[in-house]
Amino acid sequence: MRHVTIIIIISLSWISSFSQAGKCTPDDEVFIYKHDTLNFDKPSLLRNLGHVPSDLWQIAKSPFQKRNYIGLSVVAASTAILIVKDQAIIQGVRHISDKIGLKPETEYKIILKAGSTKILKLPRNLNTVLYQAGEGGTSMMLAGGLWVYGKITNDRRAIYTANDLAETFVSMGVSTQILKRFTGRESPFMQTRPGGRWKPLPTFKEFQNNTSSYDGFPSGHLATLMATITVLADDYPEKKWIRPVGYTVMCLSSWAMMNTQVHWAGDYPLAIALGYLSGKITTWRHHRSSNKINKIVVL
């Protein structure tokens, strides 16, 4: 049902984007920071989501573009090295975590739920805090907070950033799900052999019924975190703390996921690249010329 809903949203968004073709673009707000010039026209979530098919095409063709060969080589080489060492790495992480008292279990206190669906939950130990930082719900709450703040304060950039995050989550989420189904790698806690078994292209039913046996590679958690950091840092270039703080949280969350045995280290390089690329594709749209400028802000 969730997949059907996403398809419907994308379809409606695409139709909406076509219906607006040829209309005048509302006056832009321009933010200038050093050599960065960002243009934000009137925010529209449907218009953002209407870009998803184009985003997916750009993600799909990026490995075959000459300018990306070096990055692709780094991702491929680091992934191959880590996959070979994955079993030893995860055992090392567990050993160190036990020594410092970092529990591998994820424990939550349920604050709000509807039936069997947990709507709001609070972590009950440090490992759970670090693990939850990489969950999609945390990033979506951040996007929702930006949207509410933008509406209350009439901050166009905050609203646009929330919409950028939503667009990026959809394009990145679709991409990771396709790769997970294509590769079919076991999560560490489900492993039937050292390093986890790879069983590409499981049937839809098999994947749904035994998800953890097939969805290890790449890490959706880490891709979500990287995408969130990339969009926030690009839309707020003057906030120099976003990247160092974000990357620190990302490293800690990566450790927690290995400690909980949800992901292997080899699941990470492609996830990082995918999150970064998805965020960049979305935010590149702000770096364009504008003939209608409503407000200029020098940061």
Protein backbone atom coordinates (compact mmCIF):
# COMPACT_ATOMS: atom_id res chain seq x y z
CA MET A 1 0.00 0.00 0.00
CA ARG A 2 2.88 2.37 0.84
CA HIS A 3 4.45 1.78 -2.60
CA VAL A 4 1.12 2.46 -4.32
CA THR A 5 0.77 5.74 -2.39
CA ILE A 6 4.25 6.87 -3.48
CA ILE A 7 3.42 6.07 -7.12
CA ILE A 8 0.17 8.05 -6.90
CA ILE A 9 1.95 11.07 -5.35
CA ILE A 10 4.63 11.03 -8.05
CA SER A 11 2.02 10.71 -10.82
CA LEU A 12 -0.02 13.62 -9.48
CA SER A 13 3.12 15.69 -9.06
CA TRP A 14 4.19 15.01 -12.64
CA ILE A 15 0.76 16.05 -13.93
CA SER A 16 0.94 19.17 -11.78
CA SER A 17 4.34 20.11 -13.19
CA PHE A 18 3.01 19.81 -16.75
CA SER A 19 -0.08 21.86 -15.94
CA GLN A 20 2.17 24.70 -14.77
CA ALA A 21 4.33 24.68 -17.89
CA GLY A 22 4.38 28.01 -19.70
CA LYS A 23 3.16 29.99 -16.70
CA CYS A 24 5.23 32.85 -15.35
CA THR A 25 7.57 31.89 -12.54
CA PRO A 26 6.79 33.83 -9.33
CA ASP A 27 9.37 36.36 -8.18
CA ASP A 28 12.50 34.75 -6.80
CA GLU A 29 14.28 35.36 -3.53
CA VAL A 30 18.06 35.33 -4.00
CA PHE A 31 20.55 34.44 -1.27
CA ILE A 32 24.20 35.33 -1.87
CA TYR A 33 27.00 33.79 0.20
CA LYS A 34 30.56 34.35 -1.02
CA HIS A 35 30.60 32.71 -4.47
CA ASP A 36 27.24 30.93 -3.98
CA THR A 37 24.05 32.43 -5.40
CA LEU A 38 20.87 30.54 -4.55
CA ASN A 39 17.50 31.26 -6.16
CA PHE A 40 14.27 30.24 -4.41
CA ASP A 41 11.01 30.77 -6.26
CA LYS A 42 7.60 30.20 -4.69
CA PRO A 43 7.73 26.81 -2.89
CA SER A 44 5.57 23.97 -4.19
CA LEU A 45 5.88 20.42 -2.86
CA LEU A 46 4.08 19.01 -5.89
CA ARG A 47 6.50 20.75 -8.21
CA ASN A 48 9.44 19.33 -6.23
CA LEU A 49 8.03 15.82 -6.40
CA GLY A 50 7.37 16.32 -10.10
CA HIS A 51 11.15 16.43 -10.56
CA VAL A 52 11.58 12.89 -9.18
CA PRO A 53 11.49 11.06 -12.55
CA SER A 54 14.20 13.40 -13.85
CA ASP A 55 16.21 12.93 -10.63
CA LEU A 56 16.05 9.14 -11.00
CA TRP A 57 17.27 9.37 -14.60
CA GLN A 58 20.21 11.55 -13.54
CA ILE A 59 21.11 9.08 -10.78
CA ALA A 60 20.91 6.16 -13.23
CA LYS A 61 23.16 7.74 -15.85
CA SER A 62 25.70 9.30 -13.45
CA PRO A 63 28.01 6.20 -13.29
CA PHE A 64 28.47 6.37 -17.06
CA GLN A 65 29.48 10.04 -17.18
CA LYS A 66 33.20 10.69 -17.61
CA ARG A 67 33.34 13.36 -14.90
CA ASN A 68 32.19 10.77 -12.34
CA TYR A 69 34.73 8.05 -13.16
CA ILE A 70 37.10 8.94 -10.32
CA GLY A 71 34.32 9.02 -7.72
CA LEU A 72 32.88 5.79 -9.07
CA SER A 73 36.30 4.12 -8.85
CA VAL A 74 36.73 5.22 -5.22
CA VAL A 75 33.29 3.88 -4.28
CA ALA A 76 33.86 0.59 -6.10
CA ALA A 77 37.35 0.03 -4.64
CA SER A 78 36.39 0.92 -1.06
CA THR A 79 33.28 -1.25 -1.28
CA ALA A 80 35.27 -4.24 -2.56
CA ILE A 81 37.92 -3.90 0.18
CA LEU A 82 35.34 -3.54 2.95
CA ILE A 83 33.24 -6.48 1.72
CA VAL A 84 36.31 -8.73 1.95
CA LYS A 85 36.93 -7.53 5.54
CA ASP A 86 33.29 -7.20 6.61
CA GLN A 87 33.13 -10.17 8.96
CA ALA A 88 36.31 -9.14 10.81
CA ILE A 89 35.20 -5.49 10.98
CA ILE A 90 31.83 -6.24 12.52
CA GLN A 91 33.39 -8.60 15.06
CA GLY A 92 35.85 -5.85 15.97
CA VAL A 93 33.05 -3.32 16.39
CA ARG A 94 31.15 -5.68 18.67
CA HIS A 95 34.28 -6.38 20.73
CA ILE A 96 35.08 -2.68 21.26
CA SER A 97 31.43 -1.83 21.98
CA ASP A 98 31.28 -4.50 24.67
CA LYS A 99 34.44 -3.08 26.23
CA ILE A 100 33.04 0.46 26.46
CA GLY A 101 29.58 -0.69 27.55
CA LEU A 102 27.70 0.23 24.38
CA LYS A 103 24.78 -2.19 24.29
CA PRO A 104 23.91 -3.70 20.90
CA GLU A 105 20.17 -3.76 21.57
CA THR A 106 17.80 -1.06 20.35
CA GLU A 107 15.29 -0.21 23.06
CA TYR A 108 12.44 2.29 22.81
CA LYS A 109 9.75 3.77 24.99
CA ILE A 110 6.55 4.04 22.95
CA ILE A 111 4.96 7.45 23.42
CA LEU A 112 2.25 7.31 20.77
CA LYS A 113 0.89 4.53 18.59
CA ALA A 114 -2.14 3.75 16.43
CA GLY A 115 -2.99 0.07 16.60
CA SER A 116 0.25 -1.78 15.95
CA THR A 117 1.89 1.25 14.28
CA LYS A 118 4.42 3.07 16.48
CA ILE A 119 4.05 6.78 15.71
CA LEU A 120 6.37 8.30 18.31
CA LYS A 121 9.09 6.43 20.21
CA LEU A 122 11.96 7.56 22.40
CA PRO A 123 15.31 5.72 22.60
CA ARG A 124 16.23 4.19 25.96
CA ASN A 125 19.99 3.71 25.50
CA LEU A 126 22.88 5.40 23.69
CA ASN A 127 23.15 2.85 20.91
CA THR A 128 19.47 3.38 20.11
CA VAL A 129 19.96 7.18 19.99
CA LEU A 130 22.80 6.76 17.48
CA TYR A 131 20.88 4.16 15.45
CA GLN A 132 17.71 6.26 15.33
CA ALA A 133 19.63 9.23 13.95
CA GLY A 134 19.92 7.36 10.67
CA GLU A 135 16.27 6.36 10.40
CA GLY A 136 14.11 8.07 7.80
CA GLY A 137 11.61 9.18 10.43
CA THR A 138 14.19 11.42 12.11
CA SER A 139 15.01 13.20 8.84
CA MET A 140 11.33 13.52 7.96
CA MET A 141 10.64 15.10 11.35
CA LEU A 142 13.44 17.58 10.64
CA ALA A 143 11.90 18.38 7.25
CA GLY A 144 8.48 18.78 8.87
CA GLY A 145 9.93 21.12 11.48
CA LEU A 146 11.52 23.29 8.80
CA TRP A 147 8.23 23.45 6.89
CA VAL A 148 6.25 24.50 9.98
CA TYR A 149 8.90 27.08 10.91
CA GLY A 150 8.87 28.44 7.37
CA LYS A 151 5.10 28.78 7.35
CA ILE A 152 4.97 30.50 10.73
CA THR A 153 7.80 32.96 9.97
CA ASN A 154 7.12 33.30 6.23
CA ASP A 155 10.63 31.95 5.57
CA ARG A 156 10.64 30.82 1.94
CA ARG A 157 14.06 29.18 2.16
CA ALA A 158 13.01 26.99 5.11
CA ILE A 159 9.90 25.80 3.26
CA TYR A 160 11.90 25.16 0.10
CA THR A 161 14.51 23.18 2.06
CA ALA A 162 11.75 21.02 3.55
CA ASN A 163 10.44 20.39 0.02
CA ASP A 164 13.98 19.66 -1.21
CA LEU A 165 14.36 17.07 1.54
CA ALA A 166 11.05 15.42 0.61
CA GLU A 167 12.05 15.26 -3.07
CA THR A 168 15.46 13.85 -2.20
CA PHE A 169 14.01 11.22 0.14
CA VAL A 170 11.75 9.91 -2.63
CA SER A 171 14.43 9.76 -5.36
CA MET A 172 17.04 8.36 -2.98
CA GLY A 173 14.56 5.91 -1.43
CA VAL A 174 13.46 4.52 -4.80
CA SER A 175 17.11 4.14 -5.88
CA THR A 176 18.19 2.30 -2.72
CA GLN A 177 15.19 -0.03 -2.86
CA ILE A 178 15.99 -0.97 -6.46
CA LEU A 179 19.61 -1.70 -5.53
CA LYS A 180 18.62 -3.69 -2.44
CA ARG A 181 16.37 -5.92 -4.52
CA PHE A 182 18.99 -6.24 -7.24
CA THR A 183 21.81 -7.29 -4.86
CA GLY A 184 19.91 -9.18 -2.16
CA ARG A 185 22.54 -9.10 0.60
CA GLU A 186 21.81 -10.50 4.06
CA SER A 187 21.96 -8.20 7.08
CA PRO A 188 24.60 -9.30 9.62
CA PHE A 189 22.09 -10.52 12.20
CA MET A 190 20.53 -12.76 9.54
CA GLN A 191 23.78 -14.06 8.04
CA THR A 192 23.94 -17.70 6.97
CA ARG A 193 27.62 -17.44 6.00
CA PRO A 194 30.56 -15.15 6.88
CA GLY A 195 30.05 -11.73 5.30
CA GLY A 196 26.43 -12.50 4.52
CA ARG A 197 24.91 -14.30 1.56
CA TRP A 198 24.16 -12.48 -1.70
CA LYS A 199 21.01 -13.62 -3.51
CA PRO A 200 20.18 -11.16 -6.30
CA LEU A 201 16.67 -10.44 -7.54
CA PRO A 202 14.46 -12.24 -4.99
CA THR A 203 10.77 -12.37 -5.84
CA PHE A 204 8.64 -9.51 -4.55
CA LYS A 205 6.89 -11.82 -2.09
CA GLU A 206 10.15 -13.34 -0.87
CA PHE A 207 11.64 -9.89 -0.27
CA GLN A 208 8.57 -8.66 1.60
CA ASN A 209 8.36 -11.76 3.80
CA ASN A 210 12.09 -11.95 4.58
CA THR A 211 13.26 -8.36 4.14
CA SER A 212 16.34 -8.57 6.38
CA SER A 213 17.66 -11.46 4.33
CA TYR A 214 17.89 -9.26 1.24
CA ASP A 215 18.07 -5.53 2.10
CA GLY A 216 21.58 -5.10 3.51
CA PHE A 217 23.21 -3.41 0.52
CA PRO A 218 23.32 -0.43 0.29
CA SER A 219 22.40 1.11 3.64
CA GLY A 220 19.22 3.15 3.38
CA HIS A 221 19.91 4.64 6.82
CA LEU A 222 23.26 6.09 5.80
CA ALA A 223 21.99 7.23 2.40
CA THR A 224 19.19 9.12 4.18
CA LEU A 225 21.62 10.79 6.58
CA MET A 226 24.01 11.80 3.79
CA ALA A 227 21.15 13.15 1.66
CA THR A 228 19.83 15.18 4.61
CA ILE A 229 23.24 16.69 5.38
CA THR A 230 23.87 17.51 1.70
CA VAL A 231 20.55 19.32 1.22
CA LEU A 232 20.84 21.28 4.48
CA ALA A 233 24.46 22.28 3.80
CA ASP A 234 23.71 23.35 0.22
CA ASP A 235 20.56 25.32 1.05
CA TYR A 236 22.26 26.97 4.07
CA PRO A 237 25.87 27.46 2.88
CA GLU A 238 26.56 30.07 5.58
CA LYS A 239 25.93 27.46 8.34
CA LYS A 240 29.43 26.01 8.42
CA TRP A 241 28.65 23.66 11.33
CA ILE A 242 26.18 21.53 9.36
CA ARG A 243 28.73 19.32 7.60
CA PRO A 244 31.11 18.61 10.53
CA VAL A 245 28.25 17.96 12.94
CA GLY A 246 26.34 15.95 10.34
CA TYR A 247 29.33 13.83 9.35
CA THR A 248 30.10 13.14 13.02
CA VAL A 249 26.54 11.94 13.60
CA MET A 250 26.80 9.86 10.43
CA CYS A 251 29.97 8.12 11.66
CA LEU A 252 28.45 7.41 15.07
CA SER A 253 25.25 6.08 13.49
CA SER A 254 27.33 3.87 11.16
CA TRP A 255 29.06 2.37 14.20
CA ALA A 256 25.72 1.81 15.97
CA MET A 257 24.29 -0.01 12.94
CA MET A 258 27.28 -2.37 12.88
CA ASN A 259 27.04 -2.81 16.65
CA THR A 260 23.35 -3.72 16.26
CA GLN A 261 24.36 -5.93 13.30
CA VAL A 262 21.93 -4.26 10.93
CA HIS A 263 24.56 -3.32 8.34
CA TRP A 264 28.04 -4.29 7.19
CA ALA A 265 30.77 -1.70 6.61
CA GLY A 266 30.70 -2.68 2.93
CA ASP A 267 27.12 -1.39 2.72
CA TYR A 268 28.28 2.17 3.37
CA PRO A 269 30.37 3.61 0.47
CA LEU A 270 27.61 3.29 -2.14
CA ALA A 271 25.02 4.55 0.35
CA ILE A 272 27.12 7.66 1.04
CA ALA A 273 27.61 8.29 -2.68
CA LEU A 274 23.91 7.79 -3.42
CA GLY A 275 22.79 10.13 -0.62
CA TYR A 276 25.27 12.79 -1.71
CA LEU A 277 24.31 12.54 -5.38
CA SER A 278 20.57 12.61 -4.65
CA GLY A 279 20.95 15.73 -2.51
CA LYS A 280 23.14 17.48 -5.06
CA ILE A 281 20.75 16.77 -7.93
CA THR A 282 17.94 18.39 -5.96
CA THR A 283 19.86 21.47 -4.79
CA TRP A 284 21.63 22.15 -8.11
CA ARG A 285 18.29 23.51 -9.28
CA HIS A 286 18.76 26.60 -7.10
CA HIS A 287 21.95 27.55 -8.93
CA ARG A 288 20.33 29.14 -11.96
CA SER A 289 19.75 32.62 -13.32
CA SER A 290 16.56 34.46 -12.52
CA ASN A 291 14.89 37.25 -14.46
CA LYS A 292 12.48 38.08 -11.67
CA ILE A 293 14.03 38.93 -8.33
CA ASN A 294 11.81 39.84 -5.42
CA LYS A 295 14.41 39.96 -2.63
CA ILE A 296 18.18 39.71 -2.36
CA VAL A 297 19.77 38.58 0.92
CA VAL A 298 23.54 38.79 1.33
CA LEU A 299 24.56 36.24 3.99
